[in-house]
């Protein structure tokens, strides 16, 4: 069972180092220097953390930090901007638990949105399994890499 804890300013170095580690394999695969979280400078994390509409959560399993989630609020639309699980904890259903838990923190949400790499079947499958549906919008990044957008309407 996982828990979420809202990240504090003193967690920024940890958030950044986890981001580099968790996205390293995708960076190696796609070499997307413009869009990869593994290629971002620390200042970008600091900038996002300072945004009043952005909230970072640490994902914990038995008190160990195993990943993070970043949420951006836009009125009643909540964007799951980034979820990461450290490589050694992946493929254990922890991302599903974390998504359910973070969604439960915002009962006022009418829509949840996210995007991911269209060529990553495992990620697309995860989000579809969580009730997200492709919007039909696709953004071409480079040959062999596109971003696909998902949305989930919350029924109250």
N, C-alpha and C. Protein backbone atom coordinates (compact mmCIF):
# COMPACT_ATOMS: atom_id res chain seq x y z
N UNK A 1 0.85 -1.19 0.00
CA UNK A 1 0.00 0.00 0.00
C UNK A 1 0.89 1.25 0.00
N UNK A 2 0.52 2.20 -0.78
CA UNK A 2 1.32 3.42 -0.88
C UNK A 2 0.62 4.58 -0.18
N UNK A 3 1.40 5.59 0.13
CA UNK A 3 0.90 6.85 0.69
C UNK A 3 1.45 7.98 -0.14
N UNK A 4 0.76 9.11 -0.07
CA UNK A 4 1.24 10.33 -0.72
C UNK A 4 1.50 11.36 0.36
N UNK A 5 2.56 12.13 0.16
CA UNK A 5 2.86 13.25 1.05
C UNK A 5 3.19 14.45 0.18
N UNK A 6 2.53 15.56 0.46
CA UNK A 6 2.82 16.77 -0.31
C UNK A 6 4.28 17.14 -0.12
N UNK A 7 4.95 17.39 -1.23
CA UNK A 7 6.37 17.73 -1.18
C UNK A 7 6.57 19.14 -0.65
N UNK A 8 7.67 19.31 0.05
CA UNK A 8 8.06 20.61 0.59
C UNK A 8 9.29 21.10 -0.18
N UNK A 9 9.62 22.36 0.04
CA UNK A 9 10.76 22.94 -0.67
C UNK A 9 12.05 22.15 -0.43
N UNK A 10 12.20 21.61 0.77
CA UNK A 10 13.42 20.83 1.06
C UNK A 10 13.46 19.48 0.33
N UNK A 11 12.37 19.11 -0.34
CA UNK A 11 12.32 17.87 -1.12
C UNK A 11 12.73 18.08 -2.58
N UNK A 12 13.01 19.32 -2.97
CA UNK A 12 13.25 19.62 -4.38
C UNK A 12 14.43 18.85 -4.97
N UNK A 13 15.53 18.74 -4.25
CA UNK A 13 16.69 18.00 -4.76
C UNK A 13 16.32 16.54 -5.00
N UNK A 14 15.57 15.95 -4.07
CA UNK A 14 15.12 14.57 -4.20
C UNK A 14 14.19 14.43 -5.40
N UNK A 15 13.22 15.34 -5.54
CA UNK A 15 12.31 15.30 -6.69
C UNK A 15 13.09 15.33 -8.00
N UNK A 16 14.06 16.22 -8.06
CA UNK A 16 14.83 16.37 -9.29
C UNK A 16 15.67 15.13 -9.58
N UNK A 17 16.34 14.58 -8.58
CA UNK A 17 17.18 13.41 -8.81
C UNK A 17 16.33 12.20 -9.21
N UNK A 18 15.14 12.06 -8.62
CA UNK A 18 14.25 10.96 -9.01
C UNK A 18 13.79 11.13 -10.45
N UNK A 19 13.50 12.37 -10.85
CA UNK A 19 13.07 12.64 -12.22
C UNK A 19 14.14 12.22 -13.21
N UNK A 20 15.39 12.58 -12.93
CA UNK A 20 16.49 12.20 -13.83
C UNK A 20 16.61 10.68 -13.93
N UNK A 21 16.52 10.01 -12.79
CA UNK A 21 16.68 8.55 -12.75
C UNK A 21 15.50 7.84 -13.44
N UNK A 22 14.29 8.28 -13.14
CA UNK A 22 13.10 7.60 -13.66
C UNK A 22 12.92 7.78 -15.16
N UNK A 23 13.38 8.90 -15.71
CA UNK A 23 13.18 9.15 -17.13
C UNK A 23 14.43 8.88 -17.97
N UNK A 24 15.48 8.37 -17.35
CA UNK A 24 16.73 8.12 -18.07
C UNK A 24 16.56 7.12 -19.21
N UNK A 25 15.82 6.03 -18.97
CA UNK A 25 15.65 5.01 -20.02
C UNK A 25 14.88 5.57 -21.22
N UNK A 26 13.83 6.36 -20.95
CA UNK A 26 13.07 6.96 -22.06
C UNK A 26 13.94 7.97 -22.81
N UNK A 27 14.78 8.69 -22.07
CA UNK A 27 15.68 9.65 -22.72
C UNK A 27 16.67 8.91 -23.63
N UNK A 28 17.21 7.81 -23.13
CA UNK A 28 18.14 7.02 -23.93
C UNK A 28 17.46 6.52 -25.20
N UNK A 29 16.22 6.07 -25.06
CA UNK A 29 15.49 5.50 -26.19
C UNK A 29 15.14 6.55 -27.24
N UNK A 30 14.65 7.71 -26.80
CA UNK A 30 14.13 8.71 -27.74
C UNK A 30 15.08 9.88 -28.01
N UNK A 31 16.06 10.10 -27.13
CA UNK A 31 17.00 11.21 -27.29
C UNK A 31 16.28 12.54 -27.52
N UNK A 32 15.23 12.77 -26.75
CA UNK A 32 14.41 13.98 -26.91
C UNK A 32 14.90 15.08 -25.96
N UNK A 33 15.96 15.73 -26.37
CA UNK A 33 16.59 16.75 -25.53
C UNK A 33 15.68 17.94 -25.22
N UNK A 34 14.71 18.19 -26.10
CA UNK A 34 13.81 19.34 -25.92
C UNK A 34 12.69 19.07 -24.92
N UNK A 35 12.21 17.82 -24.82
CA UNK A 35 11.01 17.55 -24.02
C UNK A 35 11.23 16.60 -22.85
N UNK A 36 12.34 15.91 -22.81
CA UNK A 36 12.53 14.88 -21.78
C UNK A 36 12.76 15.48 -20.40
N UNK A 37 12.03 14.98 -19.39
CA UNK A 37 12.29 15.40 -18.01
C UNK A 37 13.72 15.06 -17.57
N UNK A 38 14.34 14.07 -18.22
CA UNK A 38 15.72 13.69 -17.87
C UNK A 38 16.74 14.69 -18.40
N UNK A 39 16.31 15.62 -19.25
CA UNK A 39 17.22 16.60 -19.82
C UNK A 39 17.00 18.01 -19.26
N UNK A 40 16.09 18.13 -18.30
CA UNK A 40 15.78 19.45 -17.75
C UNK A 40 16.78 19.89 -16.68
N UNK A 41 17.03 21.18 -16.60
CA UNK A 41 17.87 21.69 -15.51
C UNK A 41 17.06 21.75 -14.20
N UNK A 42 17.77 21.75 -13.10
CA UNK A 42 17.13 21.82 -11.77
C UNK A 42 16.23 23.05 -11.65
N UNK A 43 16.63 24.15 -12.26
CA UNK A 43 15.87 25.41 -12.16
C UNK A 43 14.43 25.24 -12.64
N UNK A 44 14.21 24.34 -13.58
CA UNK A 44 12.86 24.10 -14.10
C UNK A 44 11.97 23.48 -13.00
N UNK A 45 12.52 22.58 -12.22
CA UNK A 45 11.77 21.98 -11.10
C UNK A 45 11.45 23.05 -10.07
N UNK A 46 12.41 23.89 -9.78
CA UNK A 46 12.22 24.99 -8.82
C UNK A 46 11.13 25.94 -9.31
N UNK A 47 11.17 26.26 -10.59
CA UNK A 47 10.15 27.13 -11.21
C UNK A 47 8.75 26.54 -11.05
N UNK A 48 8.61 25.27 -11.39
CA UNK A 48 7.31 24.61 -11.30
C UNK A 48 6.81 24.57 -9.87
N UNK A 49 7.71 24.26 -8.95
CA UNK A 49 7.34 24.15 -7.54
C UNK A 49 6.78 25.47 -7.02
N UNK A 50 7.28 26.56 -7.55
CA UNK A 50 6.85 27.90 -7.12
C UNK A 50 5.50 28.31 -7.70
N UNK A 51 5.00 27.58 -8.69
CA UNK A 51 3.72 27.90 -9.33
C UNK A 51 2.58 27.52 -8.38
N UNK A 52 1.71 28.46 -8.09
CA UNK A 52 0.61 28.24 -7.14
C UNK A 52 -0.37 27.17 -7.61
N UNK A 53 -0.44 26.91 -8.91
CA UNK A 53 -1.37 25.91 -9.45
C UNK A 53 -0.78 24.50 -9.52
N UNK A 54 0.48 24.35 -9.10
CA UNK A 54 1.17 23.07 -9.18
C UNK A 54 1.41 22.52 -7.78
N UNK A 55 1.15 21.22 -7.63
CA UNK A 55 1.43 20.54 -6.37
C UNK A 55 2.21 19.27 -6.67
N UNK A 56 3.30 19.09 -5.96
CA UNK A 56 4.09 17.87 -6.04
C UNK A 56 3.77 16.98 -4.85
N UNK A 57 3.69 15.69 -5.09
CA UNK A 57 3.51 14.70 -4.03
C UNK A 57 4.63 13.67 -4.12
N UNK A 58 5.14 13.29 -2.98
CA UNK A 58 6.06 12.16 -2.92
C UNK A 58 5.21 10.90 -2.77
N UNK A 59 5.58 9.85 -3.46
CA UNK A 59 4.91 8.56 -3.34
C UNK A 59 5.76 7.72 -2.39
N UNK A 60 5.14 7.24 -1.32
CA UNK A 60 5.87 6.46 -0.32
C UNK A 60 5.31 5.05 -0.22
N UNK A 61 6.21 4.10 -0.06
CA UNK A 61 5.83 2.72 0.25
C UNK A 61 6.63 2.35 1.50
N UNK A 62 5.93 2.07 2.58
CA UNK A 62 6.58 1.75 3.86
C UNK A 62 7.62 2.81 4.24
N UNK A 63 7.24 4.07 4.14
CA UNK A 63 8.09 5.21 4.50
C UNK A 63 9.24 5.48 3.53
N UNK A 64 9.45 4.62 2.54
CA UNK A 64 10.49 4.86 1.53
C UNK A 64 9.89 5.63 0.36
N UNK A 65 10.59 6.65 -0.08
CA UNK A 65 10.14 7.42 -1.24
C UNK A 65 10.46 6.62 -2.49
N UNK A 66 9.42 6.30 -3.25
CA UNK A 66 9.59 5.46 -4.45
C UNK A 66 9.23 6.20 -5.74
N UNK A 67 8.77 7.46 -5.62
CA UNK A 67 8.40 8.21 -6.80
C UNK A 67 7.73 9.52 -6.45
N UNK A 68 7.14 10.14 -7.45
CA UNK A 68 6.46 11.42 -7.23
C UNK A 68 5.37 11.62 -8.28
N UNK A 69 4.47 12.53 -7.95
CA UNK A 69 3.39 12.93 -8.85
C UNK A 69 3.34 14.46 -8.85
N UNK A 70 3.15 15.03 -10.03
CA UNK A 70 2.96 16.48 -10.13
C UNK A 70 1.59 16.73 -10.73
N UNK A 71 0.80 17.55 -10.04
CA UNK A 71 -0.56 17.91 -10.45
C UNK A 71 -0.61 19.40 -10.76
N UNK A 72 -1.31 19.76 -11.83
CA UNK A 72 -1.57 21.18 -12.13
C UNK A 72 -3.08 21.37 -12.18
N UNK A 73 -3.55 22.38 -11.45
CA UNK A 73 -4.99 22.67 -11.39
C UNK A 73 -5.33 23.80 -12.35
N UNK A 74 -6.43 23.59 -13.09
CA UNK A 74 -6.96 24.62 -13.98
C UNK A 74 -8.47 24.62 -13.77
N UNK A 75 -8.95 25.39 -12.82
CA UNK A 75 -10.35 25.40 -12.42
C UNK A 75 -10.76 23.99 -11.98
N UNK A 76 -11.73 23.38 -12.65
CA UNK A 76 -12.19 22.04 -12.28
C UNK A 76 -11.50 20.95 -13.11
N UNK A 77 -10.47 21.37 -13.86
CA UNK A 77 -9.68 20.43 -14.65
C UNK A 77 -8.34 20.24 -13.94
N UNK A 78 -8.01 18.99 -13.70
CA UNK A 78 -6.76 18.66 -13.04
C UNK A 78 -5.90 17.88 -14.02
N UNK A 79 -4.65 18.28 -14.12
CA UNK A 79 -3.74 17.64 -15.06
C UNK A 79 -2.71 16.83 -14.28
N UNK A 80 -2.65 15.56 -14.59
CA UNK A 80 -1.63 14.69 -14.04
C UNK A 80 -0.41 14.91 -14.94
N UNK A 81 0.37 15.92 -14.57
CA UNK A 81 1.45 16.37 -15.44
C UNK A 81 2.56 15.35 -15.51
N UNK A 82 2.88 14.77 -14.35
CA UNK A 82 3.97 13.80 -14.33
C UNK A 82 3.76 12.82 -13.19
N UNK A 83 3.91 11.56 -13.49
CA UNK A 83 3.99 10.55 -12.45
C UNK A 83 5.24 9.75 -12.73
N UNK A 84 6.01 9.53 -11.69
CA UNK A 84 7.20 8.71 -11.88
C UNK A 84 7.33 7.74 -10.72
N UNK A 85 7.72 6.54 -11.08
CA UNK A 85 8.05 5.50 -10.12
C UNK A 85 9.50 5.12 -10.41
N UNK A 86 10.33 5.11 -9.39
CA UNK A 86 11.73 4.77 -9.60
C UNK A 86 11.82 3.38 -10.24
N UNK A 87 12.81 3.18 -11.12
CA UNK A 87 12.90 1.94 -11.90
C UNK A 87 12.81 0.66 -11.05
N UNK A 88 13.42 0.64 -9.90
CA UNK A 88 13.43 -0.59 -9.09
C UNK A 88 12.06 -0.92 -8.47
N UNK A 89 11.11 0.01 -8.56
CA UNK A 89 9.76 -0.21 -8.02
C UNK A 89 8.70 -0.34 -9.11
N UNK A 90 9.11 -0.26 -10.37
CA UNK A 90 8.15 -0.31 -11.47
C UNK A 90 7.59 -1.72 -11.68
N UNK A 91 6.48 -1.78 -12.39
CA UNK A 91 5.81 -3.04 -12.74
C UNK A 91 5.26 -3.79 -11.52
N UNK A 92 4.84 -3.05 -10.50
CA UNK A 92 4.27 -3.65 -9.30
C UNK A 92 2.88 -3.09 -8.99
N UNK A 93 2.31 -2.33 -9.93
CA UNK A 93 0.99 -1.76 -9.71
C UNK A 93 0.99 -0.52 -8.83
N UNK A 94 2.16 0.01 -8.52
CA UNK A 94 2.25 1.17 -7.62
C UNK A 94 1.77 2.46 -8.29
N UNK A 95 1.99 2.59 -9.58
CA UNK A 95 1.52 3.79 -10.29
C UNK A 95 -0.01 3.84 -10.25
N UNK A 96 -0.66 2.69 -10.44
CA UNK A 96 -2.12 2.64 -10.37
C UNK A 96 -2.62 3.10 -9.01
N UNK A 97 -1.99 2.59 -7.96
CA UNK A 97 -2.38 2.99 -6.60
C UNK A 97 -2.19 4.48 -6.39
N UNK A 98 -1.07 5.01 -6.88
CA UNK A 98 -0.77 6.43 -6.70
C UNK A 98 -1.77 7.30 -7.45
N UNK A 99 -2.14 6.90 -8.66
CA UNK A 99 -3.11 7.67 -9.44
C UNK A 99 -4.46 7.68 -8.72
N UNK A 100 -4.92 6.53 -8.27
CA UNK A 100 -6.20 6.46 -7.54
C UNK A 100 -6.16 7.36 -6.31
N UNK A 101 -5.05 7.30 -5.60
CA UNK A 101 -4.93 8.07 -4.36
C UNK A 101 -4.93 9.57 -4.64
N UNK A 102 -4.18 10.01 -5.63
CA UNK A 102 -4.11 11.45 -5.91
C UNK A 102 -5.46 11.94 -6.44
N UNK A 103 -6.14 11.13 -7.25
CA UNK A 103 -7.45 11.54 -7.75
C UNK A 103 -8.44 11.70 -6.59
N UNK A 104 -8.32 10.86 -5.58
CA UNK A 104 -9.24 10.94 -4.43
C UNK A 104 -9.03 12.19 -3.59
N UNK A 105 -7.86 12.81 -3.73
CA UNK A 105 -7.58 14.04 -2.98
C UNK A 105 -8.32 15.25 -3.54
N UNK A 106 -8.85 15.12 -4.76
CA UNK A 106 -9.49 16.25 -5.43
C UNK A 106 -10.90 15.86 -5.88
N UNK A 107 -11.83 15.70 -4.93
CA UNK A 107 -13.19 15.29 -5.30
C UNK A 107 -13.93 16.33 -6.15
N UNK A 108 -13.45 17.57 -6.13
CA UNK A 108 -14.08 18.63 -6.91
C UNK A 108 -13.72 18.58 -8.39
N UNK A 109 -12.74 17.76 -8.75
CA UNK A 109 -12.31 17.68 -10.16
C UNK A 109 -13.44 17.18 -11.04
N UNK A 110 -13.62 17.83 -12.18
CA UNK A 110 -14.60 17.38 -13.16
C UNK A 110 -13.93 16.60 -14.28
N UNK A 111 -12.68 16.94 -14.56
CA UNK A 111 -11.90 16.25 -15.58
C UNK A 111 -10.47 16.07 -15.08
N UNK A 112 -9.88 14.97 -15.47
CA UNK A 112 -8.45 14.73 -15.30
C UNK A 112 -7.86 14.58 -16.69
N UNK A 113 -6.70 15.17 -16.90
CA UNK A 113 -6.02 15.08 -18.20
C UNK A 113 -4.57 14.67 -17.99
N UNK A 114 -3.99 14.10 -19.02
CA UNK A 114 -2.57 13.75 -19.00
C UNK A 114 -2.13 13.52 -20.43
N UNK A 115 -0.83 13.42 -20.61
CA UNK A 115 -0.29 13.04 -21.92
C UNK A 115 0.90 12.13 -21.69
N UNK A 116 1.21 11.35 -22.70
CA UNK A 116 2.34 10.43 -22.62
C UNK A 116 2.85 10.15 -24.03
N UNK A 117 3.91 9.40 -24.11
CA UNK A 117 4.49 9.05 -25.41
C UNK A 117 3.62 7.98 -26.06
N UNK A 118 3.12 8.28 -27.24
CA UNK A 118 2.20 7.39 -27.94
C UNK A 118 2.83 6.02 -28.21
N UNK A 119 4.13 5.98 -28.43
CA UNK A 119 4.81 4.72 -28.76
C UNK A 119 5.05 3.84 -27.53
N UNK A 120 4.78 4.34 -26.35
CA UNK A 120 4.98 3.56 -25.12
C UNK A 120 3.67 2.85 -24.76
N UNK A 121 3.49 1.66 -25.34
CA UNK A 121 2.25 0.90 -25.16
C UNK A 121 1.93 0.65 -23.69
N UNK A 122 2.94 0.37 -22.90
CA UNK A 122 2.73 0.07 -21.48
C UNK A 122 2.13 1.27 -20.75
N UNK A 123 2.61 2.47 -21.06
CA UNK A 123 2.08 3.67 -20.42
C UNK A 123 0.66 3.95 -20.91
N UNK A 124 0.44 3.83 -22.21
CA UNK A 124 -0.90 4.05 -22.75
C UNK A 124 -1.89 3.05 -22.15
N UNK A 125 -1.46 1.81 -21.99
CA UNK A 125 -2.32 0.78 -21.40
C UNK A 125 -2.65 1.13 -19.95
N UNK A 126 -1.65 1.57 -19.19
CA UNK A 126 -1.87 1.95 -17.79
C UNK A 126 -2.96 3.01 -17.70
N UNK A 127 -2.84 4.06 -18.47
CA UNK A 127 -3.80 5.16 -18.38
C UNK A 127 -5.19 4.74 -18.86
N UNK A 128 -5.25 3.93 -19.89
CA UNK A 128 -6.55 3.42 -20.36
C UNK A 128 -7.20 2.57 -19.27
N UNK A 129 -6.40 1.75 -18.62
CA UNK A 129 -6.90 0.89 -17.54
C UNK A 129 -7.42 1.72 -16.36
N UNK A 130 -6.89 2.92 -16.19
CA UNK A 130 -7.29 3.80 -15.11
C UNK A 130 -8.51 4.66 -15.49
N UNK A 131 -9.08 4.41 -16.67
CA UNK A 131 -10.29 5.12 -17.06
C UNK A 131 -10.06 6.33 -17.96
N UNK A 132 -8.82 6.58 -18.34
CA UNK A 132 -8.51 7.70 -19.23
C UNK A 132 -8.74 7.27 -20.67
N UNK A 133 -9.25 8.19 -21.47
CA UNK A 133 -9.51 7.90 -22.88
C UNK A 133 -8.73 8.88 -23.75
N UNK A 134 -8.25 8.36 -24.87
CA UNK A 134 -7.51 9.23 -25.80
C UNK A 134 -8.45 10.29 -26.34
N UNK A 135 -7.96 11.53 -26.41
CA UNK A 135 -8.77 12.64 -26.91
C UNK A 135 -8.73 12.73 -28.42
N UNK A 136 -7.78 12.08 -29.04
CA UNK A 136 -7.59 12.18 -30.49
C UNK A 136 -6.51 13.17 -30.86
N UNK A 137 -6.10 13.99 -29.88
CA UNK A 137 -5.04 14.97 -30.12
C UNK A 137 -3.69 14.27 -30.02
N UNK A 138 -2.84 14.51 -31.01
CA UNK A 138 -1.50 13.94 -31.02
C UNK A 138 -0.54 15.06 -31.41
N UNK A 139 0.57 15.13 -30.69
CA UNK A 139 1.60 16.13 -31.00
C UNK A 139 2.86 15.40 -31.45
N UNK A 140 3.29 15.69 -32.66
CA UNK A 140 4.50 15.06 -33.20
C UNK A 140 5.72 15.76 -32.59
N UNK A 141 6.59 14.96 -31.97
CA UNK A 141 7.82 15.52 -31.38
C UNK A 141 8.99 15.34 -32.35
N UNK A 142 9.15 14.13 -32.85
CA UNK A 142 10.22 13.81 -33.80
C UNK A 142 9.90 12.46 -34.42
N UNK A 143 10.64 12.04 -35.40
CA UNK A 143 10.39 10.74 -36.02
C UNK A 143 10.43 9.66 -34.95
N UNK A 144 9.36 8.87 -34.89
CA UNK A 144 9.30 7.78 -33.92
C UNK A 144 8.86 8.18 -32.53
N UNK A 145 8.47 9.44 -32.35
CA UNK A 145 8.02 9.90 -31.03
C UNK A 145 6.90 10.92 -31.17
N UNK A 146 5.75 10.56 -30.62
CA UNK A 146 4.59 11.45 -30.61
C UNK A 146 4.01 11.46 -29.20
N UNK A 147 3.35 12.55 -28.86
CA UNK A 147 2.67 12.67 -27.57
C UNK A 147 1.18 12.50 -27.82
N UNK A 148 0.56 11.63 -27.05
CA UNK A 148 -0.87 11.38 -27.15
C UNK A 148 -1.53 11.91 -25.87
N UNK A 149 -2.72 12.49 -26.02
CA UNK A 149 -3.41 13.13 -24.91
C UNK A 149 -4.59 12.28 -24.45
N UNK A 150 -4.76 12.23 -23.13
CA UNK A 150 -5.83 11.46 -22.50
C UNK A 150 -6.67 12.36 -21.60
N UNK A 151 -7.92 11.96 -21.40
CA UNK A 151 -8.82 12.70 -20.51
C UNK A 151 -9.77 11.70 -19.82
N UNK A 152 -10.14 12.05 -18.62
CA UNK A 152 -11.12 11.25 -17.88
C UNK A 152 -12.11 12.21 -17.25
N UNK A 153 -13.38 12.00 -17.58
CA UNK A 153 -14.43 12.81 -16.96
C UNK A 153 -14.83 12.14 -15.65
N UNK A 154 -14.95 12.95 -14.60
CA UNK A 154 -15.32 12.44 -13.30
C UNK A 154 -16.83 12.53 -13.17
N UNK A 155 -17.45 11.43 -12.87
CA UNK A 155 -18.90 11.39 -12.67
C UNK A 155 -19.17 11.54 -11.17
N UNK A 156 -19.90 12.61 -10.83
CA UNK A 156 -20.19 12.85 -9.40
C UNK A 156 -21.54 12.32 -9.03
